[in-house]
Amino acid sequence: MATFETNDNDFEKDVIEASKSKPVVVDWWAPWCGPCKMIAEPLEKISNDLSDKISIAKCNIDENPQKPTVYGVRGIPMLLLFKDGEVVAQKVGATSEENLRQWIEDSIV
């Protein structure tokens, strides 16, 4: 399954509720953010490769200002991994596909 977009209105259903059955990674991003663009393709690939284990949601902080504030997003890209409705891991900044994959796999155990 490919990554999917979420927003302030659907966040509860898309992320919090969904993470009770399968972990959800939220990629907080913006269209003007170069590092965000760098990790977009690797996250898409990881989402497809690990679709049985996780879901990856993308939330544009420019269009959805409420939830980033709730979760303390101060820099992007920022990844939060939700499991059972709670944040269990976070990663800030761009990194390689290998590091992203390892962080996700270590966090969903």
PDB file of N, CA and C in Angstrom:
ATOM      1  N   MET A   1       0.832  -1.181   0.000  1.00  0.00           N
ATOM      2  CA  MET A   1       0.000   0.000   0.000  1.00  0.00           C
ATOM      3  C   MET A   1       0.875   1.243   0.000  1.00  0.00           C
ATOM      4  N   ALA A   2       0.551   2.171  -0.831  1.00  0.00           N
ATOM      5  CA  ALA A   2       1.317   3.401  -0.927  1.00  0.00           C
ATOM      6  C   ALA A   2       1.017   4.309   0.264  1.00  0.00           C
ATOM      7  N   THR A   3       1.843   5.338   0.425  1.00  0.00           N
ATOM      8  CA  THR A   3       1.567   6.328   1.463  1.00  0.00           C
ATOM      9  C   THR A   3       0.227   6.990   1.163  1.00  0.00           C
ATOM     10  N   PHE A   4      -0.371   7.602   2.182  1.00  0.00           N
ATOM     11  CA  PHE A   4      -1.637   8.285   1.972  1.00  0.00           C
ATOM     12  C   PHE A   4      -1.616   9.617   2.707  1.00  0.00           C
ATOM     13  N   GLU A   5      -2.432  10.544   2.239  1.00  0.00           N
ATOM     14  CA  GLU A   5      -2.528  11.865   2.856  1.00  0.00           C
ATOM     15  C   GLU A   5      -3.524  11.830   4.013  1.00  0.00           C
ATOM     16  N   THR A   6      -3.194  12.535   5.081  1.00  0.00           N
ATOM     17  CA  THR A   6      -4.137  12.758   6.162  1.00  0.00           C
ATOM     18  C   THR A   6      -4.174  14.247   6.454  1.00  0.00           C
ATOM     19  N   ASN A   7      -5.144  14.658   7.256  1.00  0.00           N
ATOM     20  CA  ASN A   7      -5.289  16.080   7.556  1.00  0.00           C
ATOM     21  C   ASN A   7      -5.795  16.252   8.985  1.00  0.00           C
ATOM     22  N   ASP A   8      -5.903  17.513   9.397  1.00  0.00           N
ATOM     23  CA  ASP A   8      -6.351  17.797  10.765  1.00  0.00           C
ATOM     24  C   ASP A   8      -7.697  17.145  11.075  1.00  0.00           C
ATOM     25  N   ASN A   9      -8.620  17.164  10.119  1.00  0.00           N
ATOM     26  CA  ASN A   9      -9.966  16.628  10.356  1.00  0.00           C
ATOM     27  C   ASN A   9     -10.004  15.107  10.457  1.00  0.00           C
ATOM     28  N   ASP A  10      -9.193  14.419   9.655  1.00  0.00           N
ATOM     29  CA  ASP A  10      -9.237  12.956   9.596  1.00  0.00           C
ATOM     30  C   ASP A  10      -8.148  12.269  10.419  1.00  0.00           C
ATOM     31  N   PHE A  11      -7.300  13.050  11.077  1.00  0.00           N
ATOM     32  CA  PHE A  11      -6.144  12.508  11.786  1.00  0.00           C
ATOM     33  C   PHE A  11      -6.534  11.445  12.819  1.00  0.00           C
ATOM     34  N   GLU A  12      -7.572  11.713  13.580  1.00  0.00           N
ATOM     35  CA  GLU A  12      -8.004  10.778  14.624  1.00  0.00           C
ATOM     36  C   GLU A  12      -8.315   9.400  14.029  1.00  0.00           C
ATOM     37  N   LYS A  13      -9.074   9.392  12.946  1.00  0.00           N
ATOM     38  CA  LYS A  13      -9.458   8.135  12.289  1.00  0.00           C
ATOM     39  C   LYS A  13      -8.270   7.519  11.542  1.00  0.00           C
ATOM     40  N   ASP A  14      -7.577   8.339  10.746  1.00  0.00           N
ATOM     41  CA  ASP A  14      -6.495   7.848   9.885  1.00  0.00           C
ATOM     42  C   ASP A  14      -5.276   7.351  10.656  1.00  0.00           C
ATOM     43  N   VAL A  15      -4.985   7.997  11.786  1.00  0.00           N
ATOM     44  CA  VAL A  15      -3.752   7.680  12.502  1.00  0.00           C
ATOM     45  C   VAL A  15      -4.029   7.042  13.869  1.00  0.00           C
ATOM     46  N   ILE A  16      -4.714   7.757  14.724  1.00  0.00           N
ATOM     47  CA  ILE A  16      -4.898   7.274  16.092  1.00  0.00           C
ATOM     48  C   ILE A  16      -5.673   5.954  16.105  1.00  0.00           C
ATOM     49  N   GLU A  17      -6.832   5.915  15.506  1.00  0.00           N
ATOM     50  CA  GLU A  17      -7.643   4.686  15.488  1.00  0.00           C
ATOM     51  C   GLU A  17      -6.964   3.585  14.674  1.00  0.00           C
ATOM     52  N   ALA A  18      -6.426   3.950  13.505  1.00  0.00           N
ATOM     53  CA  ALA A  18      -5.777   2.946  12.648  1.00  0.00           C
ATOM     54  C   ALA A  18      -4.573   2.314  13.330  1.00  0.00           C
ATOM     55  N   SER A  19      -3.861   3.089  14.167  1.00  0.00           N
ATOM     56  CA  SER A  19      -2.652   2.563  14.812  1.00  0.00           C
ATOM     57  C   SER A  19      -2.963   1.528  15.892  1.00  0.00           C
ATOM     58  N   LYS A  20      -4.224   1.356  16.200  1.00  0.00           N
ATOM     59  CA  LYS A  20      -4.610   0.338  17.189  1.00  0.00           C
ATOM     60  C   LYS A  20      -4.619  -1.057  16.570  1.00  0.00           C
ATOM     61  N   SER A  21      -4.650  -1.115  15.229  1.00  0.00           N
ATOM     62  CA  SER A  21      -4.580  -2.416  14.555  1.00  0.00           C
ATOM     63  C   SER A  21      -3.264  -2.616  13.799  1.00  0.00           C
ATOM     64  N   LYS A  22      -2.629  -1.512  13.385  1.00  0.00           N
ATOM     65  CA  LYS A  22      -1.341  -1.599  12.679  1.00  0.00           C
ATOM     66  C   LYS A  22      -0.601  -0.273  12.885  1.00  0.00           C
ATOM     67  N   PRO A  23       0.705  -0.310  13.210  1.00  0.00           N
ATOM     68  CA  PRO A  23       1.437   0.943  13.418  1.00  0.00           C
ATOM     69  C   PRO A  23       1.321   1.883  12.214  1.00  0.00           C
ATOM     70  N   VAL A  24       1.285   3.187  12.515  1.00  0.00           N
ATOM     71  CA  VAL A  24       1.196   4.216  11.479  1.00  0.00           C
ATOM     72  C   VAL A  24       2.337   5.202  11.674  1.00  0.00           C
ATOM     73  N   VAL A  25       3.106   5.421  10.624  1.00  0.00           N
ATOM     74  CA  VAL A  25       4.140   6.453  10.616  1.00  0.00           C
ATOM     75  C   VAL A  25       3.526   7.694   9.987  1.00  0.00           C
ATOM     76  N   VAL A  26       3.688   8.848  10.639  1.00  0.00           N
ATOM     77  CA  VAL A  26       3.228  10.106  10.065  1.00  0.00           C
ATOM     78  C   VAL A  26       4.444  10.902   9.628  1.00  0.00           C
ATOM     79  N   ASP A  27       4.466  11.261   8.361  1.00  0.00           N
ATOM     80  CA  ASP A  27       5.514  12.098   7.780  1.00  0.00           C
ATOM     81  C   ASP A  27       4.975  13.523   7.729  1.00  0.00           C
ATOM     82  N   TRP A  28       5.457  14.386   8.631  1.00  0.00           N
ATOM     83  CA  TRP A  28       5.083  15.799   8.623  1.00  0.00           C
ATOM     84  C   TRP A  28       5.988  16.481   7.611  1.00  0.00           C
ATOM     85  N   TRP A  29       5.424  17.176   6.632  1.00  0.00           N
ATOM     86  CA  TRP A  29       6.198  17.712   5.521  1.00  0.00           C
ATOM     87  C   TRP A  29       5.557  18.993   5.000  1.00  0.00           C
ATOM     88  N   ALA A  30       6.255  19.630   4.049  1.00  0.00           N
ATOM     89  CA  ALA A  30       5.733  20.786   3.330  1.00  0.00           C
ATOM     90  C   ALA A  30       6.330  20.771   1.926  1.00  0.00           C
ATOM     91  N   PRO A  31       5.601  21.308   0.932  1.00  0.00           N
ATOM     92  CA  PRO A  31       6.060  21.265  -0.451  1.00  0.00           C
ATOM     93  C   PRO A  31       7.361  22.026  -0.700  1.00  0.00           C
ATOM     94  N   TRP A  32       7.659  23.023   0.106  1.00  0.00           N
ATOM     95  CA  TRP A  32       8.862  23.841  -0.071  1.00  0.00           C
ATOM     96  C   TRP A  32      10.094  23.232   0.610  1.00  0.00           C
ATOM     97  N   CYS A  33       9.935  22.139   1.312  1.00  0.00           N
ATOM     98  CA  CYS A  33      11.002  21.532   2.114  1.00  0.00           C
ATOM     99  C   CYS A  33      11.831  20.544   1.285  1.00  0.00           C
ATOM    100  N   GLY A  34      13.072  20.910   0.994  1.00  0.00           N
ATOM    101  CA  GLY A  34      13.961  20.046   0.220  1.00  0.00           C
ATOM    102  C   GLY A  34      14.198  18.685   0.856  1.00  0.00           C
ATOM    103  N   PRO A  35      14.572  18.631   2.147  1.00  0.00           N
ATOM    104  CA  PRO A  35      14.776  17.329   2.789  1.00  0.00           C
ATOM    105  C   PRO A  35      13.510  16.466   2.790  1.00  0.00           C
ATOM    106  N   CYS A  36      12.337  17.106   2.856  1.00  0.00           N
ATOM    107  CA  CYS A  36      11.078  16.349   2.795  1.00  0.00           C
ATOM    108  C   CYS A  36      10.955  15.641   1.452  1.00  0.00           C
ATOM    109  N   LYS A  37      11.342  16.347   0.394  1.00  0.00           N
ATOM    110  CA  LYS A  37      11.288  15.758  -0.943  1.00  0.00           C
ATOM    111  C   LYS A  37      12.279  14.601  -1.063  1.00  0.00           C
ATOM    112  N   MET A  38      13.423  14.731  -0.370  1.00  0.00           N
ATOM    113  CA  MET A  38      14.448  13.683  -0.432  1.00  0.00           C
ATOM    114  C   MET A  38      13.954  12.359   0.144  1.00  0.00           C
ATOM    115  N   ILE A  39      13.128  12.405   1.183  1.00  0.00           N
ATOM    116  CA  ILE A  39      12.688  11.148   1.806  1.00  0.00           C
ATOM    117  C   ILE A  39      11.341  10.660   1.269  1.00  0.00           C
ATOM    118  N   ALA A  40      10.684  11.449   0.426  1.00  0.00           N
ATOM    119  CA  ALA A  40       9.361  11.064  -0.076  1.00  0.00           C
ATOM    120  C   ALA A  40       9.396   9.742  -0.840  1.00  0.00           C
ATOM    121  N   GLU A  41      10.310   9.609  -1.776  1.00  0.00           N
ATOM    122  CA  GLU A  41      10.387   8.383  -2.575  1.00  0.00           C
ATOM    123  C   GLU A  41      10.792   7.168  -1.732  1.00  0.00           C
ATOM    124  N   PRO A  42      11.822   7.291  -0.866  1.00  0.00           N
ATOM    125  CA  PRO A  42      12.139   6.148  -0.003  1.00  0.00           C
ATOM    126  C   PRO A  42      10.966   5.739   0.890  1.00  0.00           C
ATOM    127  N   LEU A  43      10.220   6.708   1.432  1.00  0.00           N
ATOM    128  CA  LEU A  43       9.065   6.359   2.268  1.00  0.00           C
ATOM    129  C   LEU A  43       7.998   5.632   1.455  1.00  0.00           C
ATOM    130  N   GLU A  44       7.812   6.053   0.207  1.00  0.00           N
ATOM    131  CA  GLU A  44       6.848   5.389  -0.669  1.00  0.00           C
ATOM    132  C   GLU A  44       7.249   3.926  -0.873  1.00  0.00           C
ATOM    133  N   LYS A  45       8.527   3.709  -1.126  1.00  0.00           N
ATOM    134  CA  LYS A  45       9.035   2.348  -1.345  1.00  0.00           C
ATOM    135  C   LYS A  45       8.871   1.504  -0.074  1.00  0.00           C
ATOM    136  N   ILE A  46       9.240   2.072   1.067  1.00  0.00           N
ATOM    137  CA  ILE A  46       9.113   1.358   2.332  1.00  0.00           C
ATOM    138  C   ILE A  46       7.653   1.034   2.611  1.00  0.00           C
ATOM    139  N   SER A  47       6.771   1.985   2.329  1.00  0.00           N
ATOM    140  CA  SER A  47       5.340   1.768   2.534  1.00  0.00           C
ATOM    141  C   SER A  47       4.848   0.583   1.716  1.00  0.00           C
ATOM    142  N   ASN A  48       5.299   0.490   0.489  1.00  0.00           N
ATOM    143  CA  ASN A  48       4.913  -0.638  -0.360  1.00  0.00           C
ATOM    144  C   ASN A  48       5.522  -1.950   0.131  1.00  0.00           C
ATOM    145  N   ASP A  49       6.799  -1.911   0.508  1.00  0.00           N
ATOM    146  CA  ASP A  49       7.501  -3.121   0.942  1.00  0.00           C
ATOM    147  C   ASP A  49       6.972  -3.667   2.267  1.00  0.00           C
ATOM    148  N   LEU A  50       6.570  -2.769   3.173  1.00  0.00           N
ATOM    149  CA  LEU A  50       6.161  -3.184   4.516  1.00  0.00           C
ATOM    150  C   LEU A  50       4.665  -2.994   4.756  1.00  0.00           C
ATOM    151  N   SER A  51       3.888  -3.020   3.696  1.00  0.00           N
ATOM    152  CA  SER A  51       2.452  -2.716   3.811  1.00  0.00           C
ATOM    153  C   SER A  51       1.706  -3.668   4.749  1.00  0.00           C
ATOM    154  N   ASP A  52       2.228  -4.870   4.943  1.00  0.00           N
ATOM    155  CA  ASP A  52       1.578  -5.799   5.865  1.00  0.00           C
ATOM    156  C   ASP A  52       1.883  -5.460   7.329  1.00  0.00           C
ATOM    157  N   LYS A  53       2.924  -4.640   7.571  1.00  0.00           N
ATOM    158  CA  LYS A  53       3.343  -4.321   8.932  1.00  0.00           C
ATOM    159  C   LYS A  53       3.006  -2.901   9.375  1.00  0.00           C
ATOM    160  N   ILE A  54       2.992  -1.940   8.426  1.00  0.00           N
ATOM    161  CA  ILE A  54       2.786  -0.528   8.781  1.00  0.00           C
ATOM    162  C   ILE A  54       1.984   0.199   7.710  1.00  0.00           C
ATOM    163  N   SER A  55       1.506   1.380   8.089  1.00  0.00           N
ATOM    164  CA  SER A  55       0.940   2.335   7.131  1.00  0.00           C
ATOM    165  C   SER A  55       1.751   3.615   7.276  1.00  0.00           C
ATOM    166  N   ILE A  56       1.906   4.360   6.194  1.00  0.00           N
ATOM    167  CA  ILE A  56       2.620   5.632   6.257  1.00  0.00           C
ATOM    168  C   ILE A  56       1.705   6.735   5.749  1.00  0.00           C
ATOM    169  N   ALA A  57       1.425   7.674   6.649  1.00  0.00           N
ATOM    170  CA  ALA A  57       0.582   8.820   6.327  1.00  0.00           C
ATOM    171  C   ALA A  57       1.465  10.048   6.141  1.00  0.00           C
ATOM    172  N   LYS A  58       1.036  10.947   5.276  1.00  0.00           N
ATOM    173  CA  LYS A  58       1.737  12.207   5.064  1.00  0.00           C
ATOM    174  C   LYS A  58       0.793  13.338   5.460  1.00  0.00           C
ATOM    175  N   CYS A  59       1.328  14.301   6.211  1.00  0.00           N
ATOM    176  CA  CYS A  59       0.515  15.437   6.634  1.00  0.00           C
ATOM    177  C   CYS A  59       1.255  16.726   6.307  1.00  0.00           C
ATOM    178  N   ASN A  60       0.691  17.496   5.380  1.00  0.00           N
ATOM    179  CA  ASN A  60       1.258  18.769   4.953  1.00  0.00           C
ATOM    180  C   ASN A  60       1.017  19.798   6.060  1.00  0.00           C
ATOM    181  N   ILE A  61       2.097  20.291   6.679  1.00  0.00           N
ATOM    182  CA  ILE A  61       1.950  21.192   7.818  1.00  0.00           C
ATOM    183  C   ILE A  61       1.418  22.570   7.428  1.00  0.00           C
ATOM    184  N   ASP A  62       1.610  22.971   6.173  1.00  0.00           N
ATOM    185  CA  ASP A  62       1.091  24.264   5.717  1.00  0.00           C
ATOM    186  C   ASP A  62      -0.430  24.249   5.622  1.00  0.00           C
ATOM    187  N   GLU A  63      -0.980  23.133   5.183  1.00  0.00           N
ATOM    188  CA  GLU A  63      -2.426  23.012   5.005  1.00  0.00           C
ATOM    189  C   GLU A  63      -3.131  22.540   6.274  1.00  0.00           C
ATOM    190  N   ASN A  64      -2.380  21.975   7.209  1.00  0.00           N
ATOM    191  CA  ASN A  64      -2.949  21.401   8.438  1.00  0.00           C
ATOM    192  C   ASN A  64      -2.137  21.851   9.643  1.00  0.00           C
ATOM    193  N   PRO A  65      -2.392  23.048  10.156  1.00  0.00           N
ATOM    194  CA  PRO A  65      -1.571  23.593  11.239  1.00  0.00           C
ATOM    195  C   PRO A  65      -1.909  23.078  12.643  1.00  0.00           C
ATOM    196  N   GLN A  66      -3.052  22.450  12.840  1.00  0.00           N
ATOM    197  CA  GLN A  66      -3.459  22.065  14.194  1.00  0.00           C
ATOM    198  C   GLN A  66      -2.683  20.869  14.750  1.00  0.00           C
ATOM    199  N   LYS A  67      -2.674  19.763  14.043  1.00  0.00           N
ATOM    200  CA  LYS A  67      -2.054  18.538  14.573  1.00  0.00           C
ATOM    201  C   LYS A  67      -0.539  18.665  14.746  1.00  0.00           C
ATOM    202  N   PRO A  68       0.183  19.330  13.846  1.00  0.00           N
ATOM    203  CA  PRO A  68       1.623  19.490  14.102  1.00  0.00           C
ATOM    204  C   PRO A  68       1.893  20.206  15.426  1.00  0.00           C
ATOM    205  N   THR A  69       1.053  21.171  15.767  1.00  0.00           N
ATOM    206  CA  THR A  69       1.210  21.887  17.030  1.00  0.00           C
ATOM    207  C   THR A  69       0.951  20.949  18.208  1.00  0.00           C
ATOM    208  N   VAL A  70      -0.082  20.132  18.106  1.00  0.00           N
ATOM    209  CA  VAL A  70      -0.413  19.179  19.168  1.00  0.00           C
ATOM    210  C   VAL A  70       0.755  18.232  19.437  1.00  0.00           C
ATOM    211  N   TYR A  71       1.434  17.807  18.366  1.00  0.00           N
ATOM    212  CA  TYR A  71       2.507  16.819  18.509  1.00  0.00           C
ATOM    213  C   TYR A  71       3.903  17.427  18.544  1.00  0.00           C
ATOM    214  N   GLY A  72       3.991  18.744  18.703  1.00  0.00           N
ATOM    215  CA  GLY A  72       5.287  19.392  18.899  1.00  0.00           C
ATOM    216  C   GLY A  72       6.200  19.380  17.698  1.00  0.00           C
ATOM    217  N   VAL A  73       5.636  19.415  16.515  1.00  0.00           N
ATOM    218  CA  VAL A  73       6.450  19.427  15.305  1.00  0.00           C
ATOM    219  C   VAL A  73       7.058  20.824  15.151  1.00  0.00           C
ATOM    220  N   ARG A  74       8.384  20.899  15.280  1.00  0.00           N
ATOM    221  CA  ARG A  74       9.074  22.191  15.173  1.00  0.00           C
ATOM    222  C   ARG A  74       9.998  22.251  13.977  1.00  0.00           C
ATOM    223  N   GLY A  75      10.352  21.105  13.450  1.00  0.00           N
ATOM    224  CA  GLY A  75      11.213  21.027  12.277  1.00  0.00           C
ATOM    225  C   GLY A  75      10.734  19.901  11.390  1.00  0.00           C
ATOM    226  N   ILE A  76      10.932  20.051  10.097  1.00  0.00           N
ATOM    227  CA  ILE A  76      10.522  19.010   9.153  1.00  0.00           C
ATOM    228  C   ILE A  76      11.690  18.666   8.240  1.00  0.00           C
ATOM    229  N   PRO A  77      11.716  17.468   7.707  1.00  0.00           N
ATOM    230  CA  PRO A  77      10.749  16.410   7.932  1.00  0.00           C
ATOM    231  C   PRO A  77      10.863  15.845   9.347  1.00  0.00           C
ATOM    232  N   MET A  78       9.725  15.473   9.864  1.00  0.00           N
ATOM    233  CA  MET A  78       9.660  14.807  11.166  1.00  0.00           C
ATOM    234  C   MET A  78       8.730  13.616  11.020  1.00  0.00           C
ATOM    235  N   LEU A  79       9.192  12.485  11.491  1.00  0.00           N
ATOM    236  CA  LEU A  79       8.401  11.262  11.435  1.00  0.00           C
ATOM    237  C   LEU A  79       8.017  10.864  12.851  1.00  0.00           C
ATOM    238  N   LEU A  80       6.745  10.580  13.051  1.00  0.00           N
ATOM    239  CA  LEU A  80       6.263  10.050  14.320  1.00  0.00           C
ATOM    240  C   LEU A  80       5.636   8.691  14.047  1.00  0.00           C
ATOM    241  N   LEU A  81       5.975   7.712  14.872  1.00  0.00           N
ATOM    242  CA  LEU A  81       5.396   6.387  14.719  1.00  0.00           C
ATOM    243  C   LEU A  81       4.373   6.187  15.836  1.00  0.00           C
ATOM    244  N   PHE A  82       3.137   5.938  15.431  1.00  0.00           N
ATOM    245  CA  PHE A  82       2.035   5.717  16.370  1.00  0.00           C
ATOM    246  C   PHE A  82       1.734   4.230  16.451  1.00  0.00           C
ATOM    247  N   LYS A  83       1.554   3.764  17.674  1.00  0.00           N
ATOM    248  CA  LYS A  83       1.182   2.372  17.914  1.00  0.00           C
ATOM    249  C   LYS A  83       0.175   2.386  19.067  1.00  0.00           C
ATOM    250  N   ASP A  84      -0.944   1.719  18.887  1.00  0.00           N
ATOM    251  CA  ASP A  84      -1.998   1.692  19.905  1.00  0.00           C
ATOM    252  C   ASP A  84      -2.435   3.097  20.326  1.00  0.00           C
ATOM    253  N   GLY A  85      -2.467   4.014  19.352  1.00  0.00           N
ATOM    254  CA  GLY A  85      -2.941   5.370  19.591  1.00  0.00           C
ATOM    255  C   GLY A  85      -1.941   6.322  20.215  1.00  0.00           C
ATOM    256  N   GLU A  86      -0.713   5.852  20.452  1.00  0.00           N
ATOM    257  CA  GLU A  86       0.312   6.665  21.116  1.00  0.00           C
ATOM    258  C   GLU A  86       1.559   6.794  20.261  1.00  0.00           C
ATOM    259  N   VAL A  87       2.287   7.902  20.426  1.00  0.00           N
ATOM    260  CA  VAL A  87       3.584   8.070  19.762  1.00  0.00           C
ATOM    261  C   VAL A  87       4.591   7.183  20.488  1.00  0.00           C
ATOM    262  N   VAL A  88       5.247   6.299  19.741  1.00  0.00           N
ATOM    263  CA  VAL A  88       6.231   5.409  20.354  1.00  0.00           C
ATOM    264  C   VAL A  88       7.657   5.677  19.866  1.00  0.00           C
ATOM    265  N   ALA A  89       7.796   6.453  18.778  1.00  0.00           N
ATOM    266  CA  ALA A  89       9.127   6.769  18.255  1.00  0.00           C
ATOM    267  C   ALA A  89       9.043   8.004  17.374  1.00  0.00           C
ATOM    268  N   GLN A  90      10.167   8.716  17.284  1.00  0.00           N
ATOM    269  CA  GLN A  90      10.219   9.871  16.394  1.00  0.00           C
ATOM    270  C   GLN A  90      11.583   9.976  15.744  1.00  0.00           C
ATOM    271  N   LYS A  91      11.595  10.590  14.584  1.00  0.00           N
ATOM    272  CA  LYS A  91      12.831  10.803  13.830  1.00  0.00           C
ATOM    273  C   LYS A  91      12.706  12.153  13.144  1.00  0.00           C
ATOM    274  N   VAL A  92      13.722  12.992  13.288  1.00  0.00           N
ATOM    275  CA  VAL A  92      13.709  14.316  12.678  1.00  0.00           C
ATOM    276  C   VAL A  92      14.831  14.398  11.653  1.00  0.00           C
ATOM    277  N   GLY A  93      14.509  14.972  10.492  1.00  0.00           N
ATOM    278  CA  GLY A  93      15.512  15.184   9.459  1.00  0.00           C
ATOM    279  C   GLY A  93      15.522  14.093   8.403  1.00  0.00           C
ATOM    280  N   ALA A  94      16.181  14.405   7.308  1.00  0.00           N
ATOM    281  CA  ALA A  94      16.287  13.461   6.196  1.00  0.00           C
ATOM    282  C   ALA A  94      17.426  12.487   6.455  1.00  0.00           C
ATOM    283  N   THR A  95      17.243  11.278   5.967  1.00  0.00           N
ATOM    284  CA  THR A  95      18.267  10.251   6.081  1.00  0.00           C
ATOM    285  C   THR A  95      18.070   9.265   4.933  1.00  0.00           C
ATOM    286  N   SER A  96      18.906   8.271   4.871  1.00  0.00           N
ATOM    287  CA  SER A  96      18.848   7.312   3.768  1.00  0.00           C
ATOM    288  C   SER A  96      17.659   6.369   3.910  1.00  0.00           C
ATOM    289  N   GLU A  97      17.313   5.734   2.802  1.00  0.00           N
ATOM    290  CA  GLU A  97      16.238   4.733   2.830  1.00  0.00           C
ATOM    291  C   GLU A  97      16.574   3.621   3.820  1.00  0.00           C
ATOM    292  N   GLU A  98      17.816   3.206   3.835  1.00  0.00           N
ATOM    293  CA  GLU A  98      18.250   2.139   4.740  1.00  0.00           C
ATOM    294  C   GLU A  98      18.020   2.537   6.199  1.00  0.00           C
ATOM    295  N   ASN A  99      18.388   3.778   6.560  1.00  0.00           N
ATOM    296  CA  ASN A  99      18.192   4.241   7.937  1.00  0.00           C
ATOM    297  C   ASN A  99      16.719   4.379   8.276  1.00  0.00           C
ATOM    298  N   LEU A 100      15.918   4.871   7.335  1.00  0.00           N
ATOM    299  CA  LEU A 100      14.473   4.986   7.565  1.00  0.00           C
ATOM    300  C   LEU A 100      13.851   3.610   7.799  1.00  0.00           C
ATOM    301  N   ARG A 101      14.216   2.673   6.950  1.00  0.00           N
ATOM    302  CA  ARG A 101      13.686   1.308   7.058  1.00  0.00           C
ATOM    303  C   ARG A 101      14.080   0.686   8.400  1.00  0.00           C
ATOM    304  N   GLN A 102      15.345   0.858   8.787  1.00  0.00           N
ATOM    305  CA  GLN A 102      15.828   0.290  10.044  1.00  0.00           C
ATOM    306  C   GLN A 102      15.101   0.914  11.231  1.00  0.00           C
ATOM    307  N   TRP A 103      14.911   2.258  11.206  1.00  0.00           N
ATOM    308  CA  TRP A 103      14.208   2.948  12.285  1.00  0.00           C
ATOM    309  C   TRP A 103      12.778   2.419  12.413  1.00  0.00           C
ATOM    310  N   ILE A 104      12.096   2.256  11.286  1.00  0.00           N
ATOM    311  CA  ILE A 104      10.729   1.760  11.308  1.00  0.00           C
ATOM    312  C   ILE A 104      10.686   0.324  11.842  1.00  0.00           C
ATOM    313  N   GLU A 105      11.530  -0.519  11.304  1.00  0.00           N
ATOM    314  CA  GLU A 105      11.515  -1.924  11.728  1.00  0.00           C
ATOM    315  C   GLU A 105      11.864  -2.074  13.214  1.00  0.00           C
ATOM    316  N   ASP A 106      12.806  -1.275  13.693  1.00  0.00           N
ATOM    317  CA  ASP A 106      13.173  -1.327  15.124  1.00  0.00           C
ATOM    318  C   ASP A 106      12.028  -0.803  15.996  1.00  0.00           C
ATOM    319  N   SER A 107      11.284   0.164  15.485  1.00  0.00           N
ATOM    320  CA  SER A 107      10.229   0.815  16.272  1.00  0.00           C
ATOM    321  C   SER A 107       8.932   0.018  16.339  1.00  0.00           C
ATOM    322  N   ILE A 108       8.697  -0.874  15.376  1.00  0.00           N
ATOM    323  CA  ILE A 108       7.422  -1.598  15.370  1.00  0.00           C
ATOM    324  C   ILE A 108       7.493  -2.935  16.084  1.00  0.00           C
ATOM    325  N   VAL A 109       8.645  -3.278  16.567  1.00  0.00           N
ATOM    326  CA  VAL A 109       8.818  -4.558  17.272  1.00  0.00           C
ATOM    327  C   VAL A 109       7.997  -4.584  18.544  1.00  0.00           C
TER     328      VAL A 109
END
